[in-house]
Amino acid sequence: MKRSKTTALLLMGAAPLLFTACEPGPPTGQPDVVQEGLYTSVERCAEATGDAATCRAASDHAQQQAADAAPQYASRAECERDYPAEQCAEQRTSTGHSFIGPLMTGFFLSQMMGRNRPGMAPQAQAAPAFRDNANGWLRSTGAPAAGRAGLTPVTATPDRATTVNRGGFGASGRNRSSAGG
């Protein structure tokens, strides 16, 4: 048999093992549960979630990201078109770049609650939140940009935790699998 055919057969035989390795744990049939929230302070987060330590860590992490995630303006007047005047201030990114932008007015907390493994705490993620002149909440898309280009609107209610079920690839793959065709 040619080497290329042998390689192709070997890869096809290994594919199911690769997909099995992607599964985060033993199949439970239960979707992952994510607790998400938009909070205006550590205290309000702790009231809603009952976990002050996680809220404090999330707020600190969001604060560290805030200058890098904030929209950047050349002048205070440009910033004040989109954000309240008291929120527009000179800031410095983690790389030392100075700019005018809105200060963080809240933070998002997302915490995986399902499929906890023994000895491991639920994993939490945090991001800074910005409030605009229309009293809407905005979240960073990850890339710094001028004005609102790097932000996306969020319809979350501040200071209230919500629970969302997420099936993920493993659950959807299990639910759609069949014994043949």
N, C-alpha and C. Protein backbone atom coordinates (compact mmCIF):
# COMPACT_ATOMS: atom_id res chain seq x y z
N MET A 1 0.86 -1.18 0.00
CA MET A 1 0.00 0.00 0.00
C MET A 1 0.90 1.24 0.00
N LYS A 2 0.50 2.26 -0.74
CA LYS A 2 1.29 3.49 -0.80
C LYS A 2 1.26 4.21 0.54
N ARG A 3 2.33 4.98 0.75
CA ARG A 3 2.44 5.71 2.01
C ARG A 3 1.29 6.70 2.18
N SER A 4 0.86 7.41 1.12
CA SER A 4 -0.22 8.39 1.22
C SER A 4 -1.54 7.73 1.61
N LYS A 5 -1.81 6.52 1.09
CA LYS A 5 -3.04 5.83 1.48
C LYS A 5 -2.97 5.37 2.93
N THR A 6 -1.81 4.93 3.35
CA THR A 6 -1.62 4.48 4.73
C THR A 6 -1.82 5.66 5.68
N THR A 7 -1.26 6.80 5.31
CA THR A 7 -1.41 8.00 6.14
C THR A 7 -2.87 8.42 6.23
N ALA A 8 -3.58 8.40 5.10
CA ALA A 8 -4.99 8.79 5.09
C ALA A 8 -5.82 7.85 5.95
N LEU A 9 -5.56 6.53 5.84
CA LEU A 9 -6.31 5.56 6.65
C LEU A 9 -6.01 5.74 8.13
N LEU A 10 -4.77 6.02 8.45
CA LEU A 10 -4.37 6.24 9.85
C LEU A 10 -5.10 7.46 10.42
N LEU A 11 -5.14 8.56 9.66
CA LEU A 11 -5.82 9.77 10.12
C LEU A 11 -7.33 9.55 10.28
N MET A 12 -7.94 8.81 9.33
CA MET A 12 -9.38 8.54 9.44
C MET A 12 -9.68 7.68 10.66
N GLY A 13 -8.79 6.74 10.96
CA GLY A 13 -8.99 5.89 12.13
C GLY A 13 -8.81 6.65 13.43
N ALA A 14 -7.94 7.67 13.42
CA ALA A 14 -7.67 8.43 14.64
C ALA A 14 -8.70 9.53 14.90
N ALA A 15 -9.47 9.93 13.90
CA ALA A 15 -10.43 11.04 14.05
C ALA A 15 -11.41 10.83 15.20
N PRO A 16 -12.03 9.66 15.36
CA PRO A 16 -12.96 9.50 16.49
C PRO A 16 -12.28 9.70 17.84
N LEU A 17 -11.01 9.28 17.95
CA LEU A 17 -10.29 9.47 19.21
C LEU A 17 -10.04 10.94 19.47
N LEU A 18 -9.75 11.71 18.42
CA LEU A 18 -9.54 13.15 18.58
C LEU A 18 -10.81 13.84 19.06
N PHE A 19 -11.95 13.47 18.47
CA PHE A 19 -13.21 14.09 18.89
C PHE A 19 -13.59 13.68 20.31
N THR A 20 -13.28 12.45 20.69
CA THR A 20 -13.54 12.01 22.06
C THR A 20 -12.70 12.80 23.04
N ALA A 21 -11.47 13.11 22.66
CA ALA A 21 -10.58 13.86 23.54
C ALA A 21 -11.08 15.29 23.77
N CYS A 22 -11.89 15.81 22.88
CA CYS A 22 -12.43 17.17 23.03
C CYS A 22 -13.52 17.25 24.09
N GLU A 23 -14.11 16.15 24.45
CA GLU A 23 -15.18 16.12 25.44
C GLU A 23 -14.61 16.54 26.79
N PRO A 24 -15.20 17.52 27.50
CA PRO A 24 -14.65 18.02 28.75
C PRO A 24 -14.72 17.05 29.92
N GLY A 25 -15.50 16.05 29.84
CA GLY A 25 -15.62 15.11 30.94
C GLY A 25 -16.55 14.00 30.55
N PRO A 26 -16.89 13.13 31.49
CA PRO A 26 -17.80 12.05 31.15
C PRO A 26 -19.16 12.62 30.78
N PRO A 27 -19.84 12.02 29.78
CA PRO A 27 -21.15 12.52 29.37
C PRO A 27 -22.13 12.46 30.53
N THR A 28 -22.78 13.56 30.79
CA THR A 28 -23.75 13.61 31.87
C THR A 28 -25.17 13.77 31.34
N GLY A 29 -25.28 14.16 30.08
CA GLY A 29 -26.60 14.42 29.52
C GLY A 29 -27.16 15.76 29.97
N GLN A 30 -26.43 16.44 30.84
CA GLN A 30 -26.87 17.72 31.36
C GLN A 30 -26.13 18.85 30.66
N PRO A 31 -26.81 19.93 30.28
CA PRO A 31 -26.11 21.06 29.68
C PRO A 31 -25.31 21.81 30.73
N ASP A 32 -24.30 22.54 30.26
CA ASP A 32 -23.54 23.40 31.16
C ASP A 32 -24.44 24.54 31.60
N VAL A 33 -24.23 25.02 32.81
CA VAL A 33 -25.00 26.14 33.33
C VAL A 33 -24.04 27.30 33.56
N VAL A 34 -24.38 28.45 33.00
CA VAL A 34 -23.55 29.63 33.13
C VAL A 34 -24.33 30.70 33.87
N GLN A 35 -23.73 31.26 34.91
CA GLN A 35 -24.34 32.37 35.62
C GLN A 35 -23.67 33.63 35.12
N GLU A 36 -24.47 34.56 34.59
CA GLU A 36 -23.94 35.79 34.02
C GLU A 36 -24.57 36.98 34.70
N GLY A 37 -23.83 38.07 34.75
CA GLY A 37 -24.39 39.27 35.34
C GLY A 37 -23.59 40.50 35.01
N LEU A 38 -24.26 41.63 35.07
CA LEU A 38 -23.66 42.96 34.90
C LEU A 38 -23.81 43.64 36.25
N TYR A 39 -22.69 44.04 36.84
CA TYR A 39 -22.72 44.60 38.19
C TYR A 39 -22.07 45.98 38.23
N THR A 40 -22.63 46.85 39.07
CA THR A 40 -22.11 48.21 39.21
C THR A 40 -21.13 48.35 40.36
N SER A 41 -21.03 47.32 41.22
CA SER A 41 -20.07 47.34 42.32
C SER A 41 -19.85 45.92 42.83
N VAL A 42 -18.78 45.76 43.58
CA VAL A 42 -18.48 44.46 44.18
C VAL A 42 -19.60 44.09 45.17
N GLU A 43 -20.08 45.08 45.91
CA GLU A 43 -21.13 44.82 46.90
C GLU A 43 -22.42 44.31 46.24
N ARG A 44 -22.83 44.95 45.15
CA ARG A 44 -24.06 44.53 44.46
C ARG A 44 -23.88 43.13 43.86
N CYS A 45 -22.69 42.85 43.36
CA CYS A 45 -22.39 41.52 42.82
C CYS A 45 -22.49 40.47 43.93
N ALA A 46 -21.89 40.77 45.09
CA ALA A 46 -21.91 39.82 46.21
C ALA A 46 -23.34 39.57 46.70
N GLU A 47 -24.18 40.61 46.70
CA GLU A 47 -25.58 40.43 47.09
C GLU A 47 -26.31 39.49 46.13
N ALA A 48 -26.02 39.63 44.83
CA ALA A 48 -26.71 38.83 43.82
C ALA A 48 -26.20 37.40 43.73
N THR A 49 -24.88 37.21 43.92
CA THR A 49 -24.29 35.89 43.73
C THR A 49 -23.97 35.16 45.02
N GLY A 50 -23.80 35.90 46.12
CA GLY A 50 -23.43 35.27 47.38
C GLY A 50 -21.96 34.89 47.43
N ASP A 51 -21.14 35.41 46.53
CA ASP A 51 -19.72 35.05 46.47
C ASP A 51 -18.87 36.31 46.37
N ALA A 52 -18.57 36.91 47.52
CA ALA A 52 -17.85 38.19 47.55
C ALA A 52 -16.43 38.05 47.00
N ALA A 53 -15.75 36.94 47.25
CA ALA A 53 -14.37 36.77 46.78
C ALA A 53 -14.31 36.74 45.25
N THR A 54 -15.22 36.02 44.62
CA THR A 54 -15.25 35.96 43.16
C THR A 54 -15.60 37.32 42.59
N CYS A 55 -16.53 38.02 43.21
CA CYS A 55 -16.91 39.36 42.74
C CYS A 55 -15.74 40.33 42.84
N ARG A 56 -15.01 40.28 43.93
CA ARG A 56 -13.85 41.16 44.12
C ARG A 56 -12.78 40.87 43.06
N ALA A 57 -12.52 39.58 42.83
CA ALA A 57 -11.52 39.19 41.82
C ALA A 57 -11.98 39.60 40.41
N ALA A 58 -13.26 39.45 40.12
CA ALA A 58 -13.79 39.83 38.81
C ALA A 58 -13.70 41.33 38.60
N SER A 59 -14.03 42.11 39.62
CA SER A 59 -13.95 43.56 39.52
C SER A 59 -12.50 44.01 39.31
N ASP A 60 -11.57 43.41 40.05
CA ASP A 60 -10.15 43.75 39.89
C ASP A 60 -9.66 43.41 38.49
N HIS A 61 -10.05 42.24 37.99
CA HIS A 61 -9.63 41.82 36.65
C HIS A 61 -10.20 42.76 35.58
N ALA A 62 -11.47 43.12 35.73
CA ALA A 62 -12.11 44.05 34.77
C ALA A 62 -11.42 45.41 34.82
N GLN A 63 -11.07 45.87 36.02
CA GLN A 63 -10.40 47.16 36.16
C GLN A 63 -9.04 47.15 35.47
N GLN A 64 -8.34 46.03 35.54
CA GLN A 64 -7.05 45.90 34.86
C GLN A 64 -7.22 45.96 33.34
N GLN A 65 -8.33 45.46 32.83
CA GLN A 65 -8.60 45.45 31.39
C GLN A 65 -9.22 46.74 30.89
N ALA A 66 -9.76 47.55 31.77
CA ALA A 66 -10.60 48.69 31.39
C ALA A 66 -9.93 49.66 30.43
N ALA A 67 -8.72 50.11 30.72
CA ALA A 67 -8.07 51.09 29.85
C ALA A 67 -7.77 50.50 28.47
N ASP A 68 -7.42 49.22 28.42
CA ASP A 68 -7.14 48.59 27.13
C ASP A 68 -8.42 48.35 26.34
N ALA A 69 -9.55 48.16 27.02
CA ALA A 69 -10.81 47.87 26.34
C ALA A 69 -11.64 49.11 26.03
N ALA A 70 -11.36 50.20 26.71
CA ALA A 70 -12.17 51.43 26.55
C ALA A 70 -12.01 52.01 25.15
N PRO A 71 -13.08 52.62 24.64
CA PRO A 71 -12.96 53.34 23.37
C PRO A 71 -12.02 54.53 23.55
N GLN A 72 -11.27 54.84 22.51
CA GLN A 72 -10.25 55.88 22.61
C GLN A 72 -10.64 57.09 21.77
N TYR A 73 -10.56 58.27 22.37
CA TYR A 73 -10.90 59.52 21.70
C TYR A 73 -9.69 60.45 21.71
N ALA A 74 -9.64 61.32 20.72
CA ALA A 74 -8.54 62.28 20.63
C ALA A 74 -8.75 63.46 21.57
N SER A 75 -10.01 63.76 21.92
CA SER A 75 -10.29 64.91 22.79
C SER A 75 -11.43 64.58 23.75
N ARG A 76 -11.49 65.37 24.81
CA ARG A 76 -12.56 65.22 25.80
C ARG A 76 -13.92 65.51 25.16
N ALA A 77 -13.99 66.50 24.27
CA ALA A 77 -15.25 66.86 23.60
C ALA A 77 -15.80 65.68 22.79
N GLU A 78 -14.93 64.97 22.10
CA GLU A 78 -15.36 63.79 21.33
C GLU A 78 -15.92 62.72 22.26
N CYS A 79 -15.26 62.48 23.36
CA CYS A 79 -15.71 61.49 24.33
C CYS A 79 -17.07 61.88 24.92
N GLU A 80 -17.25 63.17 25.21
CA GLU A 80 -18.49 63.65 25.84
C GLU A 80 -19.69 63.57 24.90
N ARG A 81 -19.47 63.40 23.63
CA ARG A 81 -20.60 63.19 22.70
C ARG A 81 -21.27 61.84 22.97
N ASP A 82 -20.48 60.87 23.42
CA ASP A 82 -21.00 59.52 23.64
C ASP A 82 -21.17 59.14 25.10
N TYR A 83 -20.41 59.78 26.00
CA TYR A 83 -20.41 59.41 27.42
C TYR A 83 -20.59 60.64 28.29
N PRO A 84 -21.13 60.49 29.51
CA PRO A 84 -21.26 61.63 30.43
C PRO A 84 -19.89 62.26 30.70
N ALA A 85 -19.88 63.58 30.84
CA ALA A 85 -18.63 64.34 31.02
C ALA A 85 -17.81 63.83 32.20
N GLU A 86 -18.46 63.46 33.31
CA GLU A 86 -17.71 63.00 34.48
C GLU A 86 -17.04 61.64 34.27
N GLN A 87 -17.43 60.91 33.22
CA GLN A 87 -16.81 59.62 32.94
C GLN A 87 -15.62 59.74 31.99
N CYS A 88 -15.50 60.84 31.26
CA CYS A 88 -14.41 61.01 30.29
C CYS A 88 -13.16 61.51 31.00
N ALA A 89 -12.10 60.76 30.88
CA ALA A 89 -10.85 61.11 31.57
C ALA A 89 -9.65 60.62 30.77
N GLU A 90 -8.51 61.22 31.04
CA GLU A 90 -7.28 60.75 30.41
C GLU A 90 -6.89 59.43 31.06
N GLN A 91 -6.54 58.47 30.23
CA GLN A 91 -6.16 57.15 30.72
C GLN A 91 -4.89 56.70 30.02
N ARG A 92 -4.33 55.61 30.53
CA ARG A 92 -3.11 55.05 29.95
C ARG A 92 -3.30 53.54 29.80
N THR A 93 -3.04 53.03 28.59
CA THR A 93 -3.16 51.59 28.36
C THR A 93 -2.01 50.85 29.01
N SER A 94 -2.06 49.54 28.99
CA SER A 94 -0.99 48.72 29.58
C SER A 94 0.33 48.89 28.83
N THR A 95 0.27 49.38 27.59
CA THR A 95 1.50 49.61 26.82
C THR A 95 2.00 51.04 26.95
N GLY A 96 1.31 51.88 27.75
CA GLY A 96 1.75 53.24 27.99
C GLY A 96 1.16 54.31 27.09
N HIS A 97 0.25 53.93 26.20
CA HIS A 97 -0.39 54.89 25.30
C HIS A 97 -1.43 55.72 26.06
N SER A 98 -1.36 57.05 25.96
CA SER A 98 -2.34 57.93 26.62
C SER A 98 -3.48 58.25 25.66
N PHE A 99 -4.67 58.34 26.21
CA PHE A 99 -5.85 58.68 25.42
C PHE A 99 -6.95 59.21 26.34
N ILE A 100 -7.98 59.79 25.74
CA ILE A 100 -9.18 60.21 26.48
C ILE A 100 -10.23 59.13 26.22
N GLY A 101 -10.89 58.69 27.28
CA GLY A 101 -11.92 57.66 27.13
C GLY A 101 -12.78 57.57 28.37
N PRO A 102 -13.89 56.82 28.28
CA PRO A 102 -14.78 56.67 29.44
C PRO A 102 -14.18 55.74 30.48
N LEU A 103 -14.46 56.05 31.74
CA LEU A 103 -14.04 55.19 32.84
C LEU A 103 -14.99 54.00 32.94
N MET A 104 -14.50 52.91 33.47
CA MET A 104 -15.32 51.72 33.70
C MET A 104 -16.42 52.06 34.72
N THR A 105 -17.67 51.73 34.41
CA THR A 105 -18.77 52.03 35.33
C THR A 105 -19.42 50.76 35.88
N GLY A 106 -18.91 49.62 35.49
CA GLY A 106 -19.43 48.35 35.96
C GLY A 106 -18.57 47.23 35.41
N PHE A 107 -18.98 45.98 35.69
CA PHE A 107 -18.24 44.84 35.15
C PHE A 107 -19.18 43.68 34.90
N PHE A 108 -18.82 42.88 33.92
CA PHE A 108 -19.56 41.66 33.60
C PHE A 108 -18.86 40.50 34.27
N LEU A 109 -19.66 39.58 34.79
CA LEU A 109 -19.13 38.36 35.41
C LEU A 109 -19.86 37.19 34.79
N SER A 110 -19.11 36.24 34.29
CA SER A 110 -19.66 35.03 33.70
C SER A 110 -18.98 33.86 34.38
N GLN A 111 -19.77 32.96 34.94
CA GLN A 111 -19.21 31.87 35.73
C GLN A 111 -19.85 30.55 35.36
N MET A 112 -19.02 29.58 34.93
CA MET A 112 -19.50 28.24 34.59
C MET A 112 -19.87 27.51 35.88
N MET A 113 -21.10 27.06 35.96
CA MET A 113 -21.56 26.41 37.19
C MET A 113 -21.72 24.89 37.02
N GLY A 114 -21.93 24.40 35.80
CA GLY A 114 -22.17 22.98 35.57
C GLY A 114 -20.89 22.20 35.42
N ARG A 115 -20.97 20.90 35.55
CA ARG A 115 -19.86 19.97 35.35
C ARG A 115 -18.65 20.30 36.20
N ASN A 116 -18.87 20.68 37.42
CA ASN A 116 -17.75 20.95 38.31
C ASN A 116 -16.97 19.67 38.57
N ARG A 117 -15.68 19.78 38.50
CA ARG A 117 -14.84 18.63 38.77
C ARG A 117 -14.42 18.68 40.24
N PRO A 118 -14.26 17.53 40.87
CA PRO A 118 -13.88 17.53 42.28
C PRO A 118 -12.60 18.32 42.51
N GLY A 119 -12.61 19.17 43.53
CA GLY A 119 -11.44 19.95 43.89
C GLY A 119 -11.22 21.20 43.05
N MET A 120 -12.09 21.48 42.11
CA MET A 120 -11.93 22.66 41.26
C MET A 120 -13.12 23.60 41.43
N ALA A 121 -12.84 24.88 41.58
CA ALA A 121 -13.89 25.87 41.71
C ALA A 121 -14.43 26.23 40.33
N PRO A 122 -15.66 26.72 40.26
CA PRO A 122 -16.19 27.15 38.97
C PRO A 122 -15.31 28.25 38.38
N GLN A 123 -15.09 28.21 37.07
CA GLN A 123 -14.24 29.18 36.39
C GLN A 123 -15.02 30.46 36.11
N ALA A 124 -14.47 31.61 36.49
CA ALA A 124 -15.14 32.89 36.28
C ALA A 124 -14.36 33.73 35.28
N GLN A 125 -15.10 34.49 34.47
CA GLN A 125 -14.50 35.43 33.54
C GLN A 125 -15.13 36.79 33.77
N ALA A 126 -14.32 37.84 33.59
CA ALA A 126 -14.82 39.19 33.83
C ALA A 126 -14.40 40.11 32.69
N ALA A 127 -15.19 41.18 32.50
CA ALA A 127 -14.89 42.18 31.48
C ALA A 127 -15.44 43.52 31.96
N PRO A 128 -14.79 44.62 31.58
CA PRO A 128 -15.29 45.95 31.98
C PRO A 128 -16.56 46.32 31.21
N ALA A 129 -17.38 47.15 31.85
CA ALA A 129 -18.60 47.66 31.23
C ALA A 129 -18.57 49.19 31.25
N PHE A 130 -19.15 49.78 30.21
CA PHE A 130 -19.17 51.23 30.08
C PHE A 130 -20.62 51.67 29.87
N ARG A 131 -21.01 52.80 30.48
CA ARG A 131 -22.38 53.30 30.34
C ARG A 131 -22.34 54.58 29.51
N ASP A 132 -23.16 54.64 28.47
CA ASP A 132 -23.13 55.78 27.56
C ASP A 132 -24.16 56.85 27.94
N ASN A 133 -24.24 57.91 27.13
CA ASN A 133 -25.16 59.02 27.39
C ASN A 133 -26.63 58.61 27.35
N ALA A 134 -26.95 57.55 26.62
CA ALA A 134 -28.33 57.07 26.53
C ALA A 134 -28.67 56.07 27.63
N ASN A 135 -27.80 55.97 28.65
CA ASN A 135 -27.95 55.03 29.76
C ASN A 135 -27.93 53.57 29.32
N GLY A 136 -27.32 53.32 28.17
CA GLY A 136 -27.14 51.95 27.70
C GLY A 136 -25.80 51.41 28.16
N TRP A 137 -25.71 50.10 28.28
CA TRP A 137 -24.46 49.45 28.70
C TRP A 137 -23.75 48.90 27.49
N LEU A 138 -22.43 49.03 27.50
CA LEU A 138 -21.60 48.57 26.40
C LEU A 138 -20.49 47.67 26.92
N ARG A 139 -20.12 46.70 26.10
CA ARG A 139 -19.07 45.75 26.43
C ARG A 139 -18.04 45.74 25.31
N SER A 140 -16.80 45.54 25.65
CA SER A 140 -15.72 45.51 24.67
C SER A 140 -15.84 44.29 23.77
N THR A 141 -15.50 44.48 22.50
CA THR A 141 -15.44 43.35 21.57
C THR A 141 -14.07 42.73 21.57
N GLY A 142 -13.15 43.29 22.34
CA GLY A 142 -11.81 42.73 22.46
C GLY A 142 -10.72 43.54 21.79
N ALA A 143 -11.06 44.29 20.75
CA ALA A 143 -10.05 45.08 20.04
C ALA A 143 -10.25 46.56 20.36
N PRO A 144 -9.20 47.25 20.82
CA PRO A 144 -9.36 48.68 21.09
C PRO A 144 -9.63 49.42 19.78
N ALA A 145 -10.47 50.43 19.85
CA ALA A 145 -10.82 51.17 18.65
C ALA A 145 -11.26 52.58 19.03
N ALA A 146 -11.29 53.44 18.05
CA ALA A 146 -11.74 54.80 18.28
C ALA A 146 -13.26 54.80 18.42
N GLY A 147 -13.77 55.60 19.34
CA GLY A 147 -15.23 55.72 19.52
C GLY A 147 -15.86 54.41 19.93
N ARG A 148 -17.07 54.15 19.41
CA ARG A 148 -17.82 52.95 19.79
C ARG A 148 -17.47 51.73 18.96
N ALA A 149 -16.55 51.85 18.02
CA ALA A 149 -16.26 50.74 17.11
C ALA A 149 -15.83 49.47 17.85
N GLY A 150 -15.18 49.60 19.00
CA GLY A 150 -14.72 48.43 19.74
C GLY A 150 -15.68 47.95 20.80
N LEU A 151 -16.93 48.46 20.81
CA LEU A 151 -17.91 48.09 21.83
C LEU A 151 -19.18 47.54 21.20
N THR A 152 -19.86 46.73 21.96
CA THR A 152 -21.14 46.19 21.52
C THR A 152 -22.19 46.43 22.62
N PRO A 153 -23.42 46.81 22.26
CA PRO A 153 -24.45 47.05 23.27
C PRO A 153 -24.86 45.76 23.98
N VAL A 154 -25.24 45.90 25.23
CA VAL A 154 -25.68 44.77 26.04
C VAL A 154 -27.02 45.13 26.67
N THR A 155 -27.95 44.20 26.69
CA THR A 155 -29.28 44.46 27.24
C THR A 155 -29.46 43.89 28.64
N ALA A 156 -28.38 43.52 29.29
CA ALA A 156 -28.46 42.93 30.64
C ALA A 156 -28.98 43.96 31.64
N THR A 157 -29.72 43.48 32.63
CA THR A 157 -30.17 44.32 33.73
C THR A 157 -29.07 44.37 34.78
N PRO A 158 -28.62 45.58 35.15
CA PRO A 158 -27.52 45.67 36.13
C PRO A 158 -27.88 45.07 37.48
N ASP A 159 -26.88 44.51 38.14
CA ASP A 159 -26.96 44.00 39.51
C ASP A 159 -27.95 42.86 39.68
N ARG A 160 -28.07 42.04 38.65
CA ARG A 160 -28.95 40.87 38.74
C ARG A 160 -28.29 39.70 38.01
N ALA A 161 -28.11 38.59 38.69
CA ALA A 161 -27.50 37.41 38.08
C ALA A 161 -28.57 36.64 37.31
N THR A 162 -28.22 36.16 36.14
CA THR A 162 -29.12 35.32 35.37
C THR A 162 -28.41 34.01 35.08
N THR A 163 -29.18 32.96 34.95
CA THR A 163 -28.63 31.64 34.67
C THR A 163 -29.02 31.23 33.28
N VAL A 164 -28.04 30.74 32.53
CA VAL A 164 -28.25 30.36 31.14
C VAL A 164 -27.75 28.94 30.96
N ASN A 165 -28.51 28.09 30.25
CA ASN A 165 -28.04 26.75 29.92
C ASN A 165 -27.33 26.80 28.59
N ARG A 166 -26.16 26.19 28.55
CA ARG A 166 -25.40 26.11 27.31
C ARG A 166 -25.05 24.65 27.09
N GLY A 167 -25.47 24.09 25.98
CA GLY A 167 -25.19 22.68 25.69
C GLY A 167 -23.77 22.43 25.26
N GLY A 168 -23.20 23.32 24.46
CA GLY A 168 -21.84 23.11 23.97
C GLY A 168 -21.78 22.03 22.91
N PHE A 169 -20.62 21.84 22.33
CA PHE A 169 -20.44 20.88 21.25
C PHE A 169 -20.71 19.46 21.72
N GLY A 170 -20.20 19.10 22.89
CA GLY A 170 -20.37 17.73 23.37
C GLY A 170 -21.82 17.33 23.51
N ALA A 171 -22.64 18.21 24.09
CA ALA A 171 -24.05 17.88 24.29
C ALA A 171 -24.78 17.82 22.96
N SER A 172 -24.52 18.78 22.06
CA SER A 172 -25.23 18.77 20.80
C SER A 172 -24.79 17.59 19.95
N GLY A 173 -23.52 17.22 20.04
CA GLY A 173 -23.02 16.07 19.29
C GLY A 173 -23.65 14.79 19.78
N ARG A 174 -23.79 14.63 21.10
CA ARG A 174 -24.42 13.44 21.67
C ARG A 174 -25.88 13.36 21.29
N ASN A 175 -26.57 14.52 21.31
CA ASN A 175 -27.99 14.52 21.03
C ASN A 175 -28.30 14.20 19.57
N ARG A 176 -27.35 14.46 18.68
CA ARG A 176 -27.59 14.25 17.26
C ARG A 176 -26.95 12.99 16.72
N SER A 177 -26.24 12.26 17.56
CA SER A 177 -25.56 11.08 17.05
C SER A 177 -26.57 10.00 16.70
N SER A 178 -26.20 9.17 15.74
CA SER A 178 -27.06 8.07 15.35
C SER A 178 -26.23 6.81 15.20
N ALA A 179 -26.87 5.68 15.09
CA ALA A 179 -26.17 4.40 15.01
C ALA A 179 -25.82 4.03 13.57
N GLY A 180 -26.10 4.85 12.65
CA GLY A 180 -25.74 4.52 11.26
C GLY A 180 -26.70 5.15 10.29
N GLY A 181 -26.56 4.80 9.03
CA GLY A 181 -27.41 5.49 8.09
C GLY A 181 -27.97 4.60 7.15
